[in-house]
Protein backbone atom coordinates (compact mmCIF):
# COMPACT_ATOMS: atom_id res chain seq x y z
CA MET A 1 -11.45 3.73 6.46
CA ASP A 2 -10.68 4.43 9.93
CA VAL A 3 -14.14 5.65 10.54
CA PHE A 4 -15.17 2.12 9.61
CA TYR A 5 -12.54 0.52 11.73
CA THR A 6 -13.27 2.37 15.13
CA SER A 7 -16.81 2.03 15.19
CA GLY A 8 -16.08 -1.68 14.27
CA VAL A 9 -13.95 -1.77 17.52
CA GLN A 10 -16.55 0.15 19.36
CA PHE A 11 -19.15 -2.80 18.22
CA ALA A 12 -16.97 -5.53 19.30
CA GLU A 13 -16.25 -4.16 22.74
CA THR A 14 -20.30 -3.60 22.93
CA LEU A 15 -20.65 -7.28 22.22
CA GLN A 16 -18.19 -8.84 24.37
CA ALA A 17 -19.20 -6.34 26.99
CA ALA A 18 -23.17 -7.17 26.31
CA LEU A 19 -22.51 -11.17 26.03
CA PRO A 20 -20.38 -12.10 28.90
CA GLY A 21 -20.28 -15.87 29.63
CA LEU A 22 -20.71 -17.00 25.83
CA GLU A 23 -17.65 -16.89 24.80
CA SER A 24 -17.83 -20.73 24.32
CA PHE A 25 -20.75 -20.56 22.24
CA TRP A 26 -19.21 -18.10 19.95
CA LEU A 27 -15.97 -20.11 19.68
CA TRP A 28 -18.05 -22.85 18.33
CA VAL A 29 -20.19 -21.00 15.87
CA THR A 30 -16.98 -19.40 14.30
CA PHE A 31 -15.65 -23.04 14.07
CA PHE A 32 -18.57 -24.11 11.93
CA GLY A 33 -17.77 -20.96 9.69
CA ASP A 34 -14.65 -22.10 9.45
CA PRO A 35 -13.79 -22.97 5.77
CA LYS A 36 -12.16 -26.41 6.02
CA CYS A 37 -15.98 -27.38 7.70
CA VAL A 38 -16.93 -27.70 4.00
CA PHE A 39 -14.64 -30.33 3.56
CA ILE A 40 -14.91 -32.25 6.64
CA ILE A 41 -18.51 -31.57 7.34
CA TYR A 42 -20.79 -29.90 4.83
CA PHE A 43 -19.57 -31.89 1.80
CA PRO A 44 -19.83 -35.21 3.56
CA LEU A 45 -23.30 -34.74 4.86
CA ALA A 46 -24.90 -32.84 1.83
CA TYR A 47 -23.21 -36.12 -0.02
CA PHE A 48 -24.68 -38.62 2.01
CA LEU A 49 -27.86 -37.37 3.49
CA LEU A 50 -29.34 -35.18 0.57
CA ASP A 51 -27.70 -36.02 -3.02
CA LYS A 52 -24.26 -36.83 -4.43
CA LYS A 53 -24.62 -34.25 -6.80
CA VAL A 54 -25.40 -31.43 -4.09
CA GLY A 55 -22.41 -32.96 -2.28
CA LEU A 56 -20.04 -32.09 -4.95
CA THR A 57 -21.24 -29.03 -5.51
CA VAL A 58 -21.16 -27.88 -1.95
CA LEU A 59 -17.42 -28.90 -2.17
CA TRP A 60 -16.77 -27.13 -5.35
CA LEU A 61 -18.54 -23.98 -4.22
CA GLY A 62 -16.40 -24.01 -1.30
CA LEU A 63 -13.29 -24.43 -2.95
CA ILE A 64 -13.90 -21.96 -5.61
CA SER A 65 -14.96 -19.70 -3.26
CA GLU A 66 -11.98 -19.78 -1.18
CA TRP A 67 -9.76 -19.05 -3.71
CA LEU A 68 -11.46 -16.20 -5.05
CA ASN A 69 -11.69 -14.97 -1.08
CA LEU A 70 -7.60 -15.53 -0.95
CA ILE A 71 -7.12 -13.69 -4.49
CA SER A 72 -9.36 -10.84 -3.43
CA LYS A 73 -7.61 -10.51 0.21
CA TRP A 74 -4.62 -9.81 -1.73
CA PHE A 75 -6.16 -6.72 -3.40
CA LEU A 76 -8.69 -5.50 -0.56
CA PHE A 77 -6.00 -5.82 2.05
CA GLY A 78 -8.10 -5.06 5.24
CA GLU A 79 -6.72 -5.00 8.71
CA ARG A 80 -7.92 -6.71 11.45
CA PRO A 81 -9.27 -5.97 14.81
CA PHE A 82 -6.81 -7.59 17.09
CA TRP A 83 -3.83 -5.92 15.79
CA TRP A 84 -5.51 -2.60 14.22
CA ILE A 85 -6.41 -1.32 17.74
CA PHE A 86 -2.50 -1.52 18.62
CA GLU A 87 -1.04 -0.33 15.21
CA SER A 88 -3.56 2.74 14.61
CA GLY A 89 -2.89 3.54 18.37
CA PHE A 90 -6.72 3.58 19.07
CA SER A 91 -5.43 1.68 22.25
CA LYS A 92 -3.37 4.94 23.31
CA LYS A 93 -6.08 7.37 22.75
CA LYS A 94 -8.95 5.37 24.69
CA GLU A 95 -8.78 2.52 26.86
CA VAL A 96 -10.07 -0.65 25.44
CA PHE A 97 -11.40 -3.54 27.02
CA LEU A 98 -11.24 -6.33 24.49
CA ARG A 99 -10.01 -10.05 24.53
CA GLN A 100 -8.55 -11.92 22.29
CA PHE A 101 -9.23 -15.57 21.60
CA PRO A 102 -7.25 -18.53 20.17
CA SER A 103 -9.36 -18.03 16.86
CA SER A 104 -8.62 -14.11 16.81
CA CYS A 105 -5.06 -14.72 15.55
CA GLU A 106 -6.00 -14.82 11.66
CA THR A 107 -2.74 -14.03 9.79
CA GLY A 108 -3.94 -13.29 6.43
CA PRO A 109 -5.95 -9.87 5.30
CA GLY A 110 -9.23 -9.09 6.92
CA SER A 111 -11.25 -8.01 3.96
CA PRO A 112 -13.57 -9.65 3.14
CA SER A 113 -14.62 -12.55 5.66
CA GLY A 114 -13.51 -15.59 4.67
CA HIS A 115 -15.90 -17.72 6.72
CA CYS A 116 -18.86 -15.59 5.79
CA MET A 117 -18.05 -15.59 2.22
CA ILE A 118 -16.91 -19.51 1.62
CA THR A 119 -19.66 -20.77 3.90
CA GLY A 120 -22.44 -18.57 2.36
CA ALA A 121 -21.39 -20.14 -0.73
CA ALA A 122 -21.05 -23.68 -0.19
CA LEU A 123 -24.41 -23.84 1.72
CA TRP A 124 -26.62 -22.28 -0.87
CA PRO A 125 -27.27 -25.67 -3.05
CA VAL A 126 -28.13 -27.27 0.11
CA VAL A 127 -30.65 -24.06 1.01
CA SER A 128 -31.81 -24.35 -2.68
CA ILE A 129 -32.48 -28.28 -2.80
CA LEU A 130 -34.22 -28.37 0.72
CA THR A 131 -36.78 -25.56 0.01
CA ARG A 132 -37.74 -27.18 -3.29
CA GLN A 133 -37.99 -30.39 -1.23
CA ILE A 134 -40.11 -28.33 1.39
CA ALA A 135 -42.15 -26.80 -1.93
CA GLN A 136 -43.50 -30.35 -3.01
CA LYS A 137 -44.89 -31.01 0.54
CA SER A 138 -46.23 -27.64 1.41
CA LYS A 139 -48.00 -24.89 0.24
CA SER A 140 -46.95 -22.79 3.14
CA TRP A 141 -44.89 -19.84 2.40
CA ILE A 142 -43.73 -19.78 6.13
CA MET A 143 -42.40 -23.37 5.71
CA LYS A 144 -40.86 -22.86 2.32
CA ALA A 145 -38.68 -19.84 3.75
CA VAL A 146 -37.29 -21.91 6.89
CA PRO A 147 -34.20 -23.22 5.20
CA PHE A 148 -33.45 -19.59 4.22
CA LYS A 149 -34.28 -18.16 7.53
CA VAL A 150 -31.80 -20.78 9.04
CA TYR A 151 -29.14 -19.85 6.39
CA PHE A 152 -29.25 -16.25 7.09
CA LEU A 153 -29.31 -16.64 10.68
CA LEU A 154 -26.29 -18.95 10.50
CA LEU A 155 -24.41 -16.51 8.44
CA LEU A 156 -25.45 -13.56 11.07
CA ALA A 157 -24.17 -15.81 13.52
CA VAL A 158 -20.92 -16.62 11.87
CA GLY A 159 -20.35 -13.04 11.43
CA LEU A 160 -21.32 -11.80 14.82
CA SER A 161 -18.54 -14.15 16.19
CA ARG A 162 -16.08 -13.09 13.99
CA ILE A 163 -16.70 -9.63 15.04
CA PHE A 164 -16.99 -11.03 18.85
CA ILE A 165 -13.39 -12.50 18.52
CA LEU A 166 -11.77 -9.59 16.98
CA ALA A 167 -11.07 -11.56 13.67
CA HIS A 168 -13.25 -9.12 11.53
CA PHE A 169 -14.88 -5.66 10.98
CA PRO A 170 -18.48 -5.48 10.66
CA HIS A 171 -18.09 -4.09 7.09
CA GLN A 172 -15.84 -6.93 6.53
CA VAL A 173 -18.36 -9.41 7.29
CA ILE A 174 -21.27 -7.73 5.47
CA GLY A 175 -19.22 -8.11 2.19
CA GLY A 176 -18.31 -11.36 3.08
CA ILE A 177 -22.13 -12.38 3.49
CA LEU A 178 -22.97 -10.88 0.18
CA ALA A 179 -20.27 -12.17 -1.87
CA GLY A 180 -21.09 -15.62 -0.60
CA ILE A 181 -24.79 -15.43 -1.46
CA SER A 182 -23.75 -13.87 -4.97
CA LEU A 183 -21.26 -16.51 -5.55
CA GLY A 184 -23.49 -19.30 -4.39
CA TRP A 185 -26.82 -18.12 -6.62
CA LEU A 186 -24.45 -17.65 -9.90
CA LEU A 187 -22.28 -20.60 -9.71
CA GLN A 188 -24.10 -23.63 -8.23
CA SER A 189 -25.39 -24.60 -12.13
CA TRP A 190 -22.00 -24.48 -13.35
CA VAL A 191 -19.77 -26.54 -11.11
CA PRO A 192 -18.29 -29.15 -12.93
CA LEU A 193 -19.28 -32.68 -11.82
CA GLU A 194 -17.78 -35.83 -13.44
CA ARG A 195 -14.92 -34.95 -15.92
CA GLY A 196 -12.21 -36.74 -17.50
CA LEU A 197 -9.11 -37.02 -15.15
CA ARG A 198 -7.16 -34.23 -17.25
CA PHE A 199 -9.43 -32.01 -16.29
CA TYR A 200 -9.22 -32.44 -12.34
CA LEU A 201 -5.31 -32.63 -13.02
CA TRP A 202 -5.15 -29.45 -15.10
CA ALA A 203 -7.75 -27.26 -12.71
CA SER A 204 -5.70 -28.69 -9.58
CA PHE A 205 -2.38 -27.22 -11.27
CA SER A 206 -4.44 -23.92 -12.64
CA LEU A 207 -5.64 -23.27 -9.44
CA LEU A 208 -1.83 -23.29 -7.79
CA LEU A 209 -0.17 -21.72 -10.85
CA SER A 210 -2.84 -18.51 -11.00
CA ALA A 211 -2.63 -17.63 -7.70
CA THR A 212 1.49 -18.22 -7.61
CA VAL A 213 1.15 -16.18 -10.53
CA ILE A 214 -0.72 -13.26 -9.23
CA TYR A 215 1.25 -13.70 -5.90
CA TRP A 216 4.62 -13.02 -7.18
CA THR A 217 3.22 -10.27 -9.41
CA LEU A 218 2.32 -8.34 -6.80
CA ILE A 219 5.41 -9.23 -5.37
CA THR A 220 7.66 -7.65 -7.76
CA LEU A 221 5.00 -4.69 -8.26
CA GLY A 222 6.35 -3.51 -4.76
CA ILE A 223 3.37 -4.90 -2.76
CA ASP A 224 4.48 -6.56 0.41
CA LEU A 225 1.89 -9.55 0.66
CA ASN A 226 3.40 -10.97 4.24
CA TRP A 227 2.54 -7.59 6.00
CA SER A 228 -0.54 -9.02 7.53
CA MET A 229 1.42 -12.29 9.10
CA LYS A 230 3.74 -10.03 10.38
CA LEU A 231 1.10 -7.75 12.04
CA ALA A 232 -0.59 -10.56 13.49
CA MET A 233 2.48 -12.44 14.97
CA LYS A 234 3.37 -9.04 16.40
CA TRP A 235 0.31 -8.50 18.25
CA CYS A 236 -1.25 -11.82 18.74
CA GLU A 237 -1.31 -12.33 22.78
CA ASN A 238 -0.32 -15.76 22.42
CA PRO A 239 2.11 -16.70 19.96
CA LYS A 240 0.49 -20.70 20.15
CA TRP A 241 -2.35 -18.83 18.80
CA ILE A 242 -0.76 -18.70 15.31
CA ARG A 243 -2.21 -21.55 13.59
CA MET A 244 -0.22 -22.61 10.08
CA ASP A 245 -3.76 -23.70 8.66
CA THR A 246 -4.61 -19.73 8.92
CA HIS A 247 -1.89 -18.80 6.31
CA PRO A 248 -2.73 -17.65 2.95
CA PHE A 249 -1.00 -20.50 1.24
CA ALA A 250 -2.80 -23.19 3.22
CA SER A 251 -6.11 -22.62 1.79
CA LEU A 252 -4.60 -22.92 -2.05
CA CYS A 253 -2.90 -26.18 -0.95
CA ARG A 254 -6.30 -27.67 0.45
CA ASP A 255 -8.01 -26.49 -2.66
CA ALA A 256 -5.80 -28.06 -5.44
CA ALA A 257 -5.21 -31.05 -3.30
CA THR A 258 -9.27 -31.73 -3.09
CA VAL A 259 -9.96 -31.07 -6.66
CA LEU A 260 -6.91 -33.35 -7.30
CA GLY A 261 -8.39 -36.08 -5.07
CA LEU A 262 -11.81 -35.85 -6.67
CA GLY A 263 -10.48 -36.68 -9.76
CA LEU A 264 -8.48 -39.70 -8.47
CA ALA A 265 -11.54 -40.80 -6.77
CA PHE A 266 -13.71 -40.92 -10.43
CA HIS A 267 -11.58 -42.64 -11.72
CA SER A 268 -10.87 -45.39 -9.81
CA SER A 269 -12.26 -49.07 -10.98
CA SER A 270 -14.12 -48.98 -7.40
CA TYR A 271 -16.12 -45.79 -8.34
CA THR A 272 -17.17 -47.54 -11.58
CA GLN A 273 -18.77 -50.51 -9.66
CA LEU A 274 -20.40 -47.86 -6.96
CA LYS A 275 -21.99 -45.92 -9.38
CA ARG A 276 -24.17 -48.92 -10.13
CA GLU A 277 -25.46 -49.43 -6.16
CA ARG A 278 -27.38 -46.95 -4.68
CA LEU A 279 -27.21 -47.21 -0.71
CA GLY A 280 -29.84 -47.10 1.24
CA TRP A 281 -30.76 -44.71 4.45
CA LEU A 282 -29.56 -46.69 6.92
CA GLN A 283 -26.24 -47.34 5.01
CA ARG A 284 -25.80 -43.57 4.35
CA GLY A 285 -26.40 -42.22 7.42
CA TRP A 286 -23.62 -44.70 8.63
CA CYS A 287 -21.59 -43.35 6.03
CA ALA A 288 -22.26 -39.91 7.21
CA ILE A 289 -21.36 -40.42 10.85
CA LEU A 290 -18.15 -42.12 9.99
CA ALA A 291 -16.91 -39.39 7.45
CA LEU A 292 -17.72 -36.75 10.27
CA VAL A 293 -15.51 -38.68 12.55
CA MET A 294 -12.98 -39.84 10.24
CA LEU A 295 -12.36 -36.41 8.58
CA TYR A 296 -12.81 -34.35 11.81
CA LEU A 297 -9.85 -36.59 13.18
CA LEU A 298 -7.45 -36.66 10.36
CA SER A 299 -7.73 -32.86 9.85
CA GLY A 300 -6.54 -32.19 13.34
CA ILE A 301 -3.51 -34.89 12.89
CA ALA A 302 0.09 -34.29 11.24
CA GLN A 303 0.53 -30.68 12.08
CA PRO A 304 4.58 -30.60 11.82
CA GLN A 305 6.28 -27.54 12.76
CA ASP A 306 8.50 -27.49 9.60
CA VAL A 307 6.49 -25.60 6.96
CA ALA A 308 7.46 -27.96 3.92
CA LEU A 309 6.37 -30.84 5.51
CA TRP A 310 3.16 -29.23 6.85
CA TYR A 311 2.28 -28.46 3.78
CA GLY A 312 3.12 -31.76 1.93
CA LEU A 313 0.95 -33.67 4.55
CA ASN A 314 -1.76 -31.79 4.30
CA PHE A 315 -2.08 -31.60 0.57
CA VAL A 316 -2.15 -35.71 1.03
CA LYS A 317 -4.44 -35.37 3.52
CA TYR A 318 -7.13 -33.03 1.50
CA ALA A 319 -6.43 -35.06 -1.44
CA SER A 320 -7.43 -38.44 0.39
CA PHE A 321 -10.70 -37.01 1.71
CA PRO A 322 -12.74 -36.93 -1.79
CA TRP A 323 -11.61 -40.58 -2.04
CA MET A 324 -12.57 -41.59 1.56
CA VAL A 325 -16.39 -40.26 1.27
CA ILE A 326 -16.80 -41.21 -2.43
CA ILE A 327 -15.33 -44.87 -2.22
CA LEU A 328 -13.73 -46.09 1.02
CA LEU A 329 -16.89 -45.42 3.44
CA PRO A 330 -19.58 -46.67 0.57
CA LYS A 331 -17.60 -49.75 0.02
CA ALA A 332 -16.55 -50.45 3.84
CA VAL A 333 -20.18 -49.57 5.25
CA GLN A 334 -21.82 -51.89 2.33
CA LEU A 335 -19.39 -55.03 3.48
CA LEU A 336 -20.72 -54.04 7.01
CA ILE A 337 -24.31 -53.54 6.80
CA SER A 338 -25.44 -55.05 3.28
CA PRO A 339 -26.08 -58.79 4.73
CA GLY A 340 -29.15 -56.96 6.62
CA THR A 341 -29.86 -53.78 4.31
CA PRO A 342 -29.01 -54.69 0.87
CA SER A 343 -28.42 -51.93 -1.94
CA HIS A 344 -30.30 -51.01 -4.64
CA THR A 345 -29.04 -51.12 -8.34
CA GLU A 346 -29.97 -47.95 -10.21
């Protein structure tokens, strides 16, 4: 693997040297590839601006692929450039001109890239429906290909940003992109939509239980799954860049909480009433805007230093996000805008 790692570091060095002054751009790109954006950006936008079914498919694909990415990293390991150049002795053999950034210091293993894999899987249904909609209005193959061109360019940009900031090697990015596309294509027609409350309770519990069993089984077999966290804390340039939400179980907490939140939202009396009505375009637009603002702000607050308290608060936050999108915001916007823009009964 040293051949892949060495060539990857050289490529990252070339990127940083050839694209000076673009740090802010790459940091924004890597932010939009962050798995949590599936929950706070892509899910509400697809839910309100495209179709409820598409939005829910985006959310399900995001959390399923995130769970699979977590398990894959436990088995595939994978170094990260920001610590490998020191641990391997590469920096002693050759002078390295590489910089770390606040987003560099991921604490989990590097293979495959979660940003590419999860974003690729979650956005596949969005690209699919946009392609079908364009095909209904245009016979031009160039126009039909626009959504997929944007999709692949986005994944490429996310991948390059991860290499640029030393979070991943190129082969990890390629693996993540291929895995994300494959999962999106295979699973988009198989995701559950509205099921009984027992299904959501069992699904949430199963995500937690299965990952925990795999984790402790590997620990029992003598595999140190905390090796990457130790290296990240050892070689991160700034200790403040080590974020709790990059820890492996943070994503598991987010996924299990979201599934539980979906179940509680779908089985509330308010949702039964909302199902009979269809929001107008103005109402949906306001719902999308408010969702982006509220979820983004809420995702960034309540970050205590105590580990148990952090996980508890984040579980509550992500369990509430589906309820906000599916029930709270539509009801609030209906009350504010309905006098001038009545909703339509389905």
